[in-house]
Protein backbone atom coordinates (compact mmCIF):
# COMPACT_ATOMS: atom_id res chain seq x y z
CA MET A 1 -0.06 -0.29 0.36
CA ALA A 2 2.42 2.29 0.41
CA ALA A 3 4.29 1.56 -2.42
CA ILE A 4 1.64 2.29 -4.34
CA PHE A 5 0.98 5.48 -2.70
CA GLN A 6 4.35 6.68 -3.28
CA VAL A 7 4.53 5.35 -7.33
CA SER A 8 1.52 7.89 -7.32
CA SER A 9 2.86 10.63 -5.92
CA PHE A 10 6.29 10.75 -7.60
CA SER A 11 4.13 10.01 -10.80
CA CYS A 12 2.35 13.16 -9.82
CA SER A 13 5.14 15.02 -9.05
CA SER A 14 6.97 14.02 -12.14
CA SER A 15 3.53 15.04 -14.00
CA SER A 16 3.76 17.87 -12.23
CA SER A 17 6.98 18.70 -13.08
CA ARG A 18 6.63 17.88 -16.57
CA CYS A 19 4.00 20.25 -16.77
CA LEU A 20 6.16 23.23 -14.63
CA ARG A 21 8.66 22.70 -17.14
CA SER A 22 6.45 22.62 -20.39
CA GLY A 23 4.91 25.77 -19.30
CA THR A 24 8.70 27.55 -18.23
CA GLU A 25 9.24 26.35 -21.78
CA ALA A 26 6.39 27.48 -23.56
CA THR A 27 7.05 31.18 -21.49
CA LEU A 28 10.52 31.16 -22.63
CA GLN A 29 9.73 30.19 -26.23
CA ALA A 30 7.00 32.99 -26.67
CA PRO A 31 7.82 36.35 -28.75
CA LYS A 32 9.11 39.23 -26.49
CA LEU A 33 6.70 42.12 -27.07
CA ARG A 34 8.82 45.53 -28.09
CA SER A 35 8.13 49.32 -26.91
CA ASN A 36 9.62 51.19 -28.85
CA ARG A 37 8.55 48.49 -32.14
CA LEU A 38 4.82 48.88 -31.48
CA ILE A 39 3.34 50.50 -34.49
CA LEU A 40 -0.13 52.22 -33.84
CA PRO A 41 -2.60 52.03 -36.98
CA ARG A 42 -2.30 55.80 -38.65
CA LEU A 43 -5.68 57.42 -38.21
CA LEU A 44 -7.19 58.25 -41.94
CA PRO A 45 -8.87 61.49 -42.61
CA THR A 46 -12.66 62.16 -42.41
CA ARG A 47 -13.52 61.39 -45.59
CA ASP A 48 -10.67 59.12 -46.75
CA LEU A 49 -11.92 56.92 -43.17
CA VAL A 50 -15.79 57.21 -44.52
CA GLU A 51 -14.52 56.34 -47.70
CA GLU A 52 -12.79 53.03 -46.38
CA LEU A 53 -15.96 52.10 -44.52
CA ASN A 54 -17.80 52.11 -47.35
CA MET A 55 -15.87 49.94 -50.01
CA ARG A 56 -15.47 47.14 -46.78
CA SER A 57 -19.10 47.15 -46.46
CA GLY A 58 -19.57 47.01 -50.20
CA TYR A 59 -20.64 50.17 -51.86
CA ASN A 60 -19.11 51.40 -54.45
CA ASN A 61 -20.78 54.57 -55.45
CA THR A 62 -18.83 57.51 -52.92
CA THR A 63 -20.15 60.90 -51.95
CA THR A 64 -18.14 63.88 -52.91
CA THR A 65 -17.59 65.93 -49.98
CA THR A 66 -16.07 69.97 -50.02
CA LYS A 67 -13.02 70.01 -48.18
CA PRO A 68 -12.53 73.27 -46.33
CA ILE A 69 -10.56 76.29 -47.45
CA THR A 70 -8.40 77.31 -44.29
CA GLU A 71 -6.33 79.76 -46.53
CA SER A 72 -6.02 81.49 -49.34
CA LYS A 73 -3.80 80.93 -52.05
CA PRO A 74 -2.89 83.49 -54.97
CA THR A 75 -3.52 81.75 -57.96
CA ASN A 76 -1.64 81.78 -61.40
CA THR A 77 -3.36 84.50 -62.47
CA THR A 78 -2.02 86.49 -59.19
CA LYS A 79 1.15 85.65 -59.81
CA ASP A 80 1.76 86.93 -63.23
CA ILE A 81 0.21 90.48 -62.63
CA ASP A 82 2.72 90.54 -59.77
CA ARG A 83 5.50 89.02 -62.19
CA LEU A 84 4.49 91.82 -64.47
CA ASN A 85 4.39 94.63 -62.65
CA SER A 86 7.71 93.34 -61.04
CA ASN A 87 9.15 93.40 -64.56
CA SER A 88 8.00 96.43 -65.72
CA ASN A 89 8.89 98.47 -62.92
CA SER A 90 12.33 97.18 -63.35
CA LYS A 91 12.48 98.08 -67.20
CA VAL A 92 11.04 101.47 -65.75
CA VAL A 93 14.23 101.78 -63.45
CA ALA A 94 16.44 100.74 -65.76
CA GLU A 95 15.37 103.26 -68.51
CA LEU A 96 15.42 105.63 -66.30
CA TYR A 97 18.98 104.64 -65.10
CA THR A 98 19.89 105.23 -69.18
CA VAL A 99 18.66 108.40 -68.86
CA MET A 100 20.77 109.26 -65.97
CA GLU A 101 23.69 107.92 -67.54
CA ALA A 102 23.09 110.10 -70.55
CA ALA A 103 22.75 113.31 -68.94
CA ALA A 104 26.46 112.63 -66.55
CA ASP A 105 28.43 111.88 -69.60
CA ARG A 106 26.74 114.92 -71.25
CA ALA A 107 27.59 117.33 -68.27
CA GLU A 108 31.37 116.18 -68.36
CA MET A 109 31.43 116.40 -72.37
CA HIS A 110 30.29 119.86 -71.69
CA ALA A 111 32.67 121.10 -68.91
CA ASN A 112 35.55 119.87 -71.17
CA ILE A 113 34.58 121.79 -73.95
CA GLY A 114 33.88 124.74 -71.48
CA GLU A 115 37.35 124.69 -70.21
CA GLN A 116 38.60 123.90 -73.95
CA ARG A 117 36.66 127.17 -75.27
CA ASN A 118 37.88 129.39 -71.60
CA ASN A 119 41.32 128.43 -72.94
CA TRP A 120 40.68 129.58 -76.37
CA ASN A 121 39.62 132.79 -75.27
CA HIS A 122 42.93 133.55 -73.44
CA LEU A 123 45.18 132.48 -75.94
CA LEU A 124 43.60 134.25 -78.76
CA LEU A 125 42.91 137.38 -76.94
CA THR A 126 46.78 137.20 -75.90
CA SER A 127 48.19 136.59 -79.51
CA ILE A 128 45.85 139.09 -81.08
CA ASN A 129 46.96 141.69 -78.74
CA ALA A 130 50.70 140.31 -78.67
CA ILE A 131 50.77 140.78 -82.68
CA THR A 132 48.72 144.25 -82.77
CA LEU A 133 51.62 146.03 -80.39
CA THR A 134 53.94 143.74 -82.10
CA ALA A 135 52.69 146.06 -85.77
CA ALA A 136 52.44 149.15 -84.47
CA THR A 137 56.11 149.28 -82.63
CA MET A 138 57.19 148.23 -86.51
CA VAL A 139 55.21 150.97 -87.71
CA GLY A 140 56.90 153.42 -85.19
CA LEU A 141 60.51 151.95 -86.67
CA ALA A 142 59.72 151.91 -89.72
CA ALA A 143 59.22 156.12 -89.33
CA ILE A 144 62.31 156.37 -88.29
CA ALA A 145 64.43 154.15 -90.84
CA CYS A 146 62.08 155.85 -93.39
CA GLY A 147 63.88 157.06 -96.83
CA THR A 148 66.87 153.70 -95.67
CA GLY A 149 65.87 151.33 -98.92
CA ALA A 150 65.92 147.69 -97.60
CA PRO A 151 65.15 147.93 -93.79
CA LEU A 152 61.76 150.86 -94.62
CA LEU A 153 60.03 147.95 -96.99
CA ALA A 154 60.74 144.88 -94.29
CA LEU A 155 59.29 146.88 -91.81
CA LYS A 156 56.38 148.29 -93.24
CA LEU A 157 56.19 145.00 -95.30
CA SER A 158 56.48 142.85 -91.79
CA SER A 159 54.14 145.22 -89.98
CA THR A 160 50.93 145.10 -92.78
CA LEU A 161 51.44 141.20 -92.56
CA LEU A 162 50.90 141.68 -88.98
CA TYR A 163 48.03 144.07 -88.87
CA SER A 164 45.97 141.39 -91.82
CA ALA A 165 46.57 138.23 -89.65
CA ALA A 166 45.70 140.55 -86.46
CA THR A 167 41.98 141.39 -88.31
CA GLY A 168 41.62 137.96 -89.72
CA MET A 169 41.99 136.19 -86.16
CA LEU A 170 40.07 139.23 -84.33
CA VAL A 171 37.33 138.12 -87.65
CA VAL A 172 36.77 135.10 -86.37
CA MET A 173 37.46 135.74 -82.80
CA ASN A 174 34.27 137.95 -82.54
CA LYS A 175 32.26 136.08 -84.99
CA ILE A 176 32.41 132.64 -82.72
CA GLN A 177 32.78 134.48 -78.92
CA PRO A 178 34.59 132.21 -77.47
CA SER A 179 33.62 133.42 -73.75
CA GLN A 180 30.32 133.08 -74.05
CA LEU A 181 31.27 129.73 -75.77
CA ALA A 182 32.23 128.90 -72.93
CA GLU A 183 30.13 130.19 -70.30
CA GLU A 184 27.01 128.32 -72.80
CA GLN A 185 29.16 125.22 -71.44
CA ARG A 186 28.96 125.72 -68.30
CA ASN A 187 25.11 126.68 -68.31
CA ALA A 188 24.94 123.22 -70.04
CA ALA A 189 27.17 121.46 -67.59
CA ARG A 190 25.46 122.79 -64.54
CA LEU A 191 21.60 122.21 -65.75
CA PHE A 192 22.57 118.27 -67.03
CA LYS A 193 24.01 118.15 -62.83
CA GLN A 194 20.94 119.04 -62.21
CA LEU A 195 19.05 116.61 -64.07
CA GLU A 196 21.18 113.90 -62.67
CA ARG A 197 20.46 114.82 -59.63
CA GLU A 198 16.60 115.22 -60.27
CA ILE A 199 16.71 111.10 -61.75
CA GLN A 200 19.21 110.44 -58.28
CA THR A 201 16.01 111.89 -56.27
CA THR A 202 12.56 110.19 -57.83
CA LEU A 203 14.62 107.03 -58.08
CA ALA A 204 15.91 107.23 -54.25
CA ILE A 205 12.03 108.66 -52.60
CA GLY A 206 9.38 107.32 -54.96
CA THR A 207 8.62 103.97 -57.71
CA PRO A 208 9.56 105.48 -61.20
CA THR A 209 6.55 106.04 -63.81
CA THR A 210 6.94 105.97 -67.40
CA ARG A 211 6.43 109.47 -67.49
CA ASP A 212 9.47 109.78 -65.28
CA VAL A 213 11.09 108.45 -68.12
CA LYS A 214 9.49 110.35 -70.91
CA ASP A 215 10.07 113.64 -69.06
CA GLY A 216 13.58 112.84 -68.56
CA MET A 217 14.68 111.80 -72.21
CA ASP A 218 12.63 115.07 -73.04
CA LYS A 219 14.69 117.32 -70.86
CA VAL A 220 17.64 115.88 -72.57
CA LEU A 221 16.68 116.68 -75.57
CA ALA A 222 15.91 120.01 -75.24
CA LEU A 223 19.02 120.35 -73.54
CA ASP A 224 20.64 119.45 -76.84
CA ARG A 225 19.08 121.27 -78.64
CA ALA A 226 19.22 124.72 -76.43
CA TYR A 227 23.58 124.21 -76.34
CA PRO A 228 24.62 122.69 -79.25
CA LEU A 229 28.28 121.37 -79.15
CA PRO A 230 29.90 121.73 -82.74
CA LEU A 231 30.20 125.11 -83.87
CA LEU A 232 29.70 125.35 -88.17
CA GLY A 233 25.95 124.59 -88.54
CA THR A 234 24.16 124.69 -85.11
CA MET A 235 26.15 127.27 -83.02
CA LEU A 236 24.31 129.75 -81.53
CA ASP A 237 24.22 133.02 -83.05
CA LYS A 238 25.81 135.14 -80.84
CA PHE A 239 24.50 138.56 -82.46
CA PRO A 240 21.01 137.47 -82.81
CA ALA A 241 18.08 140.24 -84.36
CA THR A 242 16.02 140.26 -81.13
CA VAL A 243 17.13 138.62 -77.43
CA GLU A 244 14.83 136.35 -76.08
CA PRO A 245 15.47 134.29 -72.67
CA ALA A 246 17.50 131.56 -73.00
CA ASN A 247 15.27 128.24 -73.25
CA TRP A 248 16.45 125.04 -72.69
CA TRP A 249 13.49 123.25 -71.37
CA PRO A 250 10.93 120.87 -72.94
CA GLN A 251 8.06 123.35 -73.87
CA GLN A 252 4.90 122.78 -72.41
CA LEU A 253 1.04 123.65 -73.45
CA GLN A 254 0.84 127.22 -73.34
CA GLN A 255 -1.10 129.46 -71.07
CA LYS A 256 -2.67 132.25 -71.80
CA ASP A 257 -4.15 133.25 -68.60
CA LEU A 258 -4.09 132.29 -64.85
CA GLY A 259 -7.85 132.22 -64.73
CA ASP A 260 -9.71 133.66 -61.28
CA GLY A 261 -8.40 130.19 -58.84
CA ASN A 262 -11.34 128.01 -59.05
CA SER A 263 -10.58 125.28 -56.39
CA ARG A 264 -13.66 124.18 -56.50
CA GLU A 265 -13.34 122.68 -60.14
CA ARG A 266 -9.79 120.51 -58.71
CA LYS A 267 -9.91 117.24 -58.13
CA GLY A 268 -8.01 116.86 -54.66
CA ASN A 269 -6.46 119.73 -52.22
CA ASN A 270 -2.64 118.46 -52.97
CA GLY A 271 -1.40 120.61 -50.30
CA TRP A 272 -2.90 123.90 -52.36
CA ASN A 273 -5.95 126.31 -51.51
CA ALA A 274 -6.93 129.52 -52.48
CA LYS A 275 -4.84 131.87 -50.84
CA LEU A 276 -2.44 129.90 -51.74
CA GLU A 277 -2.95 130.05 -55.41
CA GLU A 278 -3.50 133.79 -56.10
CA GLU A 279 0.07 134.10 -53.94
CA MET A 280 1.36 132.07 -57.37
CA ARG A 281 -0.31 134.25 -59.14
CA GLN A 282 1.10 137.38 -57.39
CA ILE A 283 5.05 135.89 -58.05
CA VAL A 284 4.09 135.47 -61.22
CA GLY A 285 3.30 138.90 -61.82
CA VAL A 286 6.31 140.03 -60.58
CA LEU A 287 8.78 137.80 -61.91
CA LYS A 288 6.94 138.52 -65.05
CA ARG A 289 7.58 142.62 -64.46
CA LYS A 290 10.54 143.07 -62.77
CA ASP A 291 13.30 139.96 -62.89
CA THR A 292 12.40 138.81 -66.51
CA GLU A 293 11.73 142.32 -68.54
CA GLU A 294 14.99 143.62 -66.31
CA TYR A 295 17.58 140.83 -67.56
CA VAL A 296 15.76 141.11 -70.92
CA ARG A 297 16.57 144.86 -70.96
CA LEU A 298 20.64 144.02 -69.54
CA SER A 299 20.55 141.59 -72.34
CA LYS A 300 20.00 144.12 -75.16
CA LEU A 301 22.33 146.73 -73.59
CA ALA A 302 25.22 143.63 -72.68
CA LEU A 303 24.75 143.04 -77.11
CA LYS A 304 24.97 146.83 -78.14
CA VAL A 305 27.86 146.86 -77.06
CA ASN A 306 29.58 143.48 -77.79
CA LYS A 307 28.64 144.05 -81.85
CA THR A 308 30.04 147.88 -81.02
CA LEU A 309 33.69 146.57 -79.91
CA ALA A 310 33.30 143.45 -82.18
CA VAL A 311 33.03 145.84 -85.59
CA SER A 312 35.17 148.47 -84.11
CA GLY A 313 38.17 146.22 -83.12
CA PRO A 314 39.59 144.35 -86.91
CA LEU A 315 37.99 148.21 -88.29
CA LEU A 316 41.20 149.88 -86.51
CA THR A 317 43.38 147.20 -87.24
CA GLY A 318 42.29 146.57 -90.59
CA ILE A 319 43.13 150.68 -90.95
CA ALA A 320 46.47 149.79 -88.93
CA ALA A 321 47.21 148.27 -91.50
CA VAL A 322 46.38 150.22 -94.56
CA GLY A 323 48.66 153.31 -92.32
CA SER A 324 51.47 151.05 -92.36
CA ALA A 325 51.92 150.06 -95.73
CA LEU A 326 51.76 154.13 -96.72
CA VAL A 327 54.53 154.82 -94.76
CA GLY A 328 57.37 157.02 -96.46
CA SER A 329 54.97 157.90 -99.52
CA ALA A 330 56.38 160.38 -101.49
CA SER A 331 54.32 163.37 -99.64
CA GLN A 332 55.50 164.07 -95.94
CA HIS A 333 52.55 164.67 -94.72
CA GLN A 334 50.82 161.49 -96.63
CA GLY A 335 53.98 159.64 -94.43
CA SER A 336 52.76 161.66 -90.89
CA TRP A 337 48.95 160.56 -90.92
CA ALA A 338 50.29 157.24 -92.14
CA MET A 339 52.61 156.51 -88.95
CA PHE A 340 50.23 158.53 -87.28
CA LEU A 341 47.11 155.91 -88.09
CA GLY A 342 49.51 152.69 -88.26
CA VAL A 343 50.38 153.62 -84.50
CA THR A 344 46.94 154.82 -83.08
CA ALA A 345 44.86 152.46 -84.53
CA GLY A 346 47.09 149.63 -83.64
CA ALA A 347 46.57 151.06 -80.32
CA LEU A 348 43.22 151.50 -80.18
CA GLY A 349 42.42 148.29 -81.56
CA ALA A 350 44.46 146.32 -78.37
CA ILE A 351 42.51 148.45 -76.71
CA VAL A 352 39.21 147.56 -77.99
CA ASN A 353 39.92 143.93 -77.76
CA THR A 354 41.07 143.14 -74.36
CA MET A 355 37.59 145.39 -73.46
CA GLU A 356 35.45 143.30 -75.29
CA HIS A 357 37.42 139.78 -74.80
CA GLY A 358 38.85 140.18 -71.43
CA GLY A 359 35.80 141.81 -70.24
CA GLN A 360 33.94 138.81 -71.61
CA VAL A 361 31.19 141.15 -73.01
CA GLY A 362 30.13 137.94 -75.17
CA MET A 363 29.68 136.25 -71.58
CA VAL A 364 28.46 138.84 -69.51
CA PHE A 365 25.30 138.75 -72.42
CA GLU A 366 25.02 135.18 -72.57
CA MET A 367 24.60 135.28 -68.37
CA TYR A 368 22.16 138.03 -68.43
CA ARG A 369 20.13 135.43 -71.32
CA SER A 370 20.41 132.73 -68.74
CA ASN A 371 18.68 134.60 -66.05
CA ALA A 372 15.83 135.50 -68.02
CA GLY A 373 15.20 132.32 -69.03
CA PHE A 374 15.15 130.76 -65.74
CA PHE A 375 12.85 133.29 -64.38
CA ARG A 376 10.98 132.71 -67.49
CA LEU A 377 11.15 128.54 -66.46
CA MET A 378 10.03 129.98 -63.02
CA GLU A 379 6.86 131.45 -64.62
CA GLU A 380 5.99 128.43 -66.75
CA SER A 381 6.39 126.02 -64.15
CA ILE A 382 3.96 127.80 -61.52
CA VAL A 383 1.30 128.92 -64.68
CA ALA A 384 1.13 125.05 -65.29
CA ASN A 385 0.72 123.82 -61.82
CA LEU A 386 -2.07 126.70 -61.63
CA LYS A 387 -4.07 124.82 -64.65
CA GLU A 388 -3.72 121.66 -64.05
CA ARG A 389 -7.28 120.26 -62.88
CA GLU A 390 -5.92 116.82 -61.64
CA GLU A 391 -4.04 115.73 -57.99
CA LYS A 392 -1.89 113.25 -59.05
CA LYS A 393 -0.04 115.39 -62.25
CA ARG A 394 0.35 118.97 -59.43
CA GLU A 395 2.98 119.03 -57.26
CA ASN A 396 2.52 119.15 -54.08
CA GLY A 397 1.41 122.99 -52.76
CA GLU A 398 3.25 123.40 -49.85
CA LEU A 399 6.57 121.57 -51.30
CA PHE A 400 6.35 123.60 -54.51
CA GLU A 401 5.62 126.82 -52.25
CA MET A 402 8.54 126.24 -50.17
CA LYS A 403 10.84 124.97 -53.64
CA VAL A 404 9.69 128.23 -55.58
CA ALA A 405 11.03 130.12 -52.01
CA LEU A 406 14.68 129.09 -52.21
CA GLN A 407 14.70 129.56 -55.85
CA LEU A 408 14.39 133.17 -55.38
CA GLY A 409 16.41 133.40 -51.96
CA ARG A 410 13.37 134.14 -49.81
CA SER A 411 12.29 132.37 -46.75
CA LEU A 412 8.82 131.89 -46.87
CA SER A 413 6.86 134.73 -44.64
CA GLU A 414 9.37 136.72 -47.26
CA LEU A 415 7.59 135.20 -49.92
CA ARG A 416 4.32 135.77 -48.22
CA ASP A 417 5.26 138.89 -47.97
CA LEU A 418 5.84 140.19 -51.00
CA ALA A 419 2.54 138.28 -52.41
CA ALA A 420 0.92 140.56 -50.27
CA SER A 421 2.38 143.63 -51.50
CA SER A 422 2.00 143.01 -54.42
CA SER A 423 -1.46 142.40 -54.13
CA SER A 424 -2.22 145.93 -52.59
CA LEU A 425 -0.56 147.83 -54.68
CA LYS A 426 -2.33 146.24 -57.62
CA ARG A 427 -6.01 147.06 -55.98
CA TYR A 428 -4.39 150.67 -56.52
CA GLY A 429 -3.31 150.34 -59.92
CA GLU A 430 0.27 150.66 -58.95
CA THR A 431 3.44 148.29 -59.57
CA ILE A 432 6.02 146.74 -56.60
CA ASP A 433 9.60 148.39 -56.75
CA GLU A 434 10.82 144.83 -55.38
CA PHE A 435 12.01 142.13 -57.32
CA ALA A 436 11.48 139.05 -56.63
CA SER A 437 14.55 137.16 -56.15
CA LYS A 438 17.32 137.92 -54.07
CA LEU A 439 19.91 135.76 -55.47
CA PHE A 440 20.92 138.24 -59.06
């Protein structure tokens, strides 16, 4: 009995150990789960999830849903428009830079040629005076050597040739007026530099337009016409029949009158008001009656003086050449007068030449003419702004008033006082005696 119990116990324990061993082995052989390899199912969007469920349920037809718009993206049309605007703006900037480079090149050319023509004036003046005085000295020596034969003939011939050369050089010099040519080139160089600075300002403070390019090209071409570089064919007339102010800007529409200031007809104010418009009208009146008229009068006076000197110089040297040729003639009385004319007329010719070209009378005439043109340009600029009806095409009123005051060498209060004085005197039929500009 005890043996049976032991056998059964042994078999139970054996089976228990086998069961435990098999469970342990099963446990040891089971795959291990790694947390970092855990993959969660991807959550599908709502629309995709509905379509997946319909497919699994056997429904082949799907319902189209509208996707909500979260943000507005630029379309191809908008991108094309932006690209075109960018290309157009860069093209305008490139064109404006081209105009600016042309203006800078013109300024340098005119400056160089102006310096050259100023040298012409000094060299020709010195050379002609030296030739004239040398010829006068030879005439005096010929009178002393009168009756000696060969020395007399040599002195007479030399003085006559020198006087003839001086006369021919004076005719050419008085025709081209080197001092006036130099002043023209100086004015042109200054105006081209001013145009270059205006274009630089346009590029720096704003977005340029095709209108700016057109205005720049028109100004360059107008300056080319007003101050030509060549001498032959296109040179300005140095002795015009009628004196007009210099004109170096594109022609604007002719304005017959300034009207009565209908501010209500204008589109927008842009810094303008009825008081400012009346002030600008009074300034235009003062410029026209005083400054422009005065400088045109001075130009006419300088032109008359220059004409007289230009004719007198060659005439005197020509008389001196005739007198030098008659020195030593058969009659003693004629020989004395010939010597007198040869010496005196030659000396007077040198004096007249020095007064004309040393005093640069041609340059003075051109300076007065340019000043008159400056005031004429101011008149036209003010009239153009007063007549313009569209706001965008007018300059800002306050800025324009400041620019006019600075160009006239006045402060804003002085400019307003000038306009008020002109308006009060105009009511009584009188004109103001004060000039608008304090610079010239």
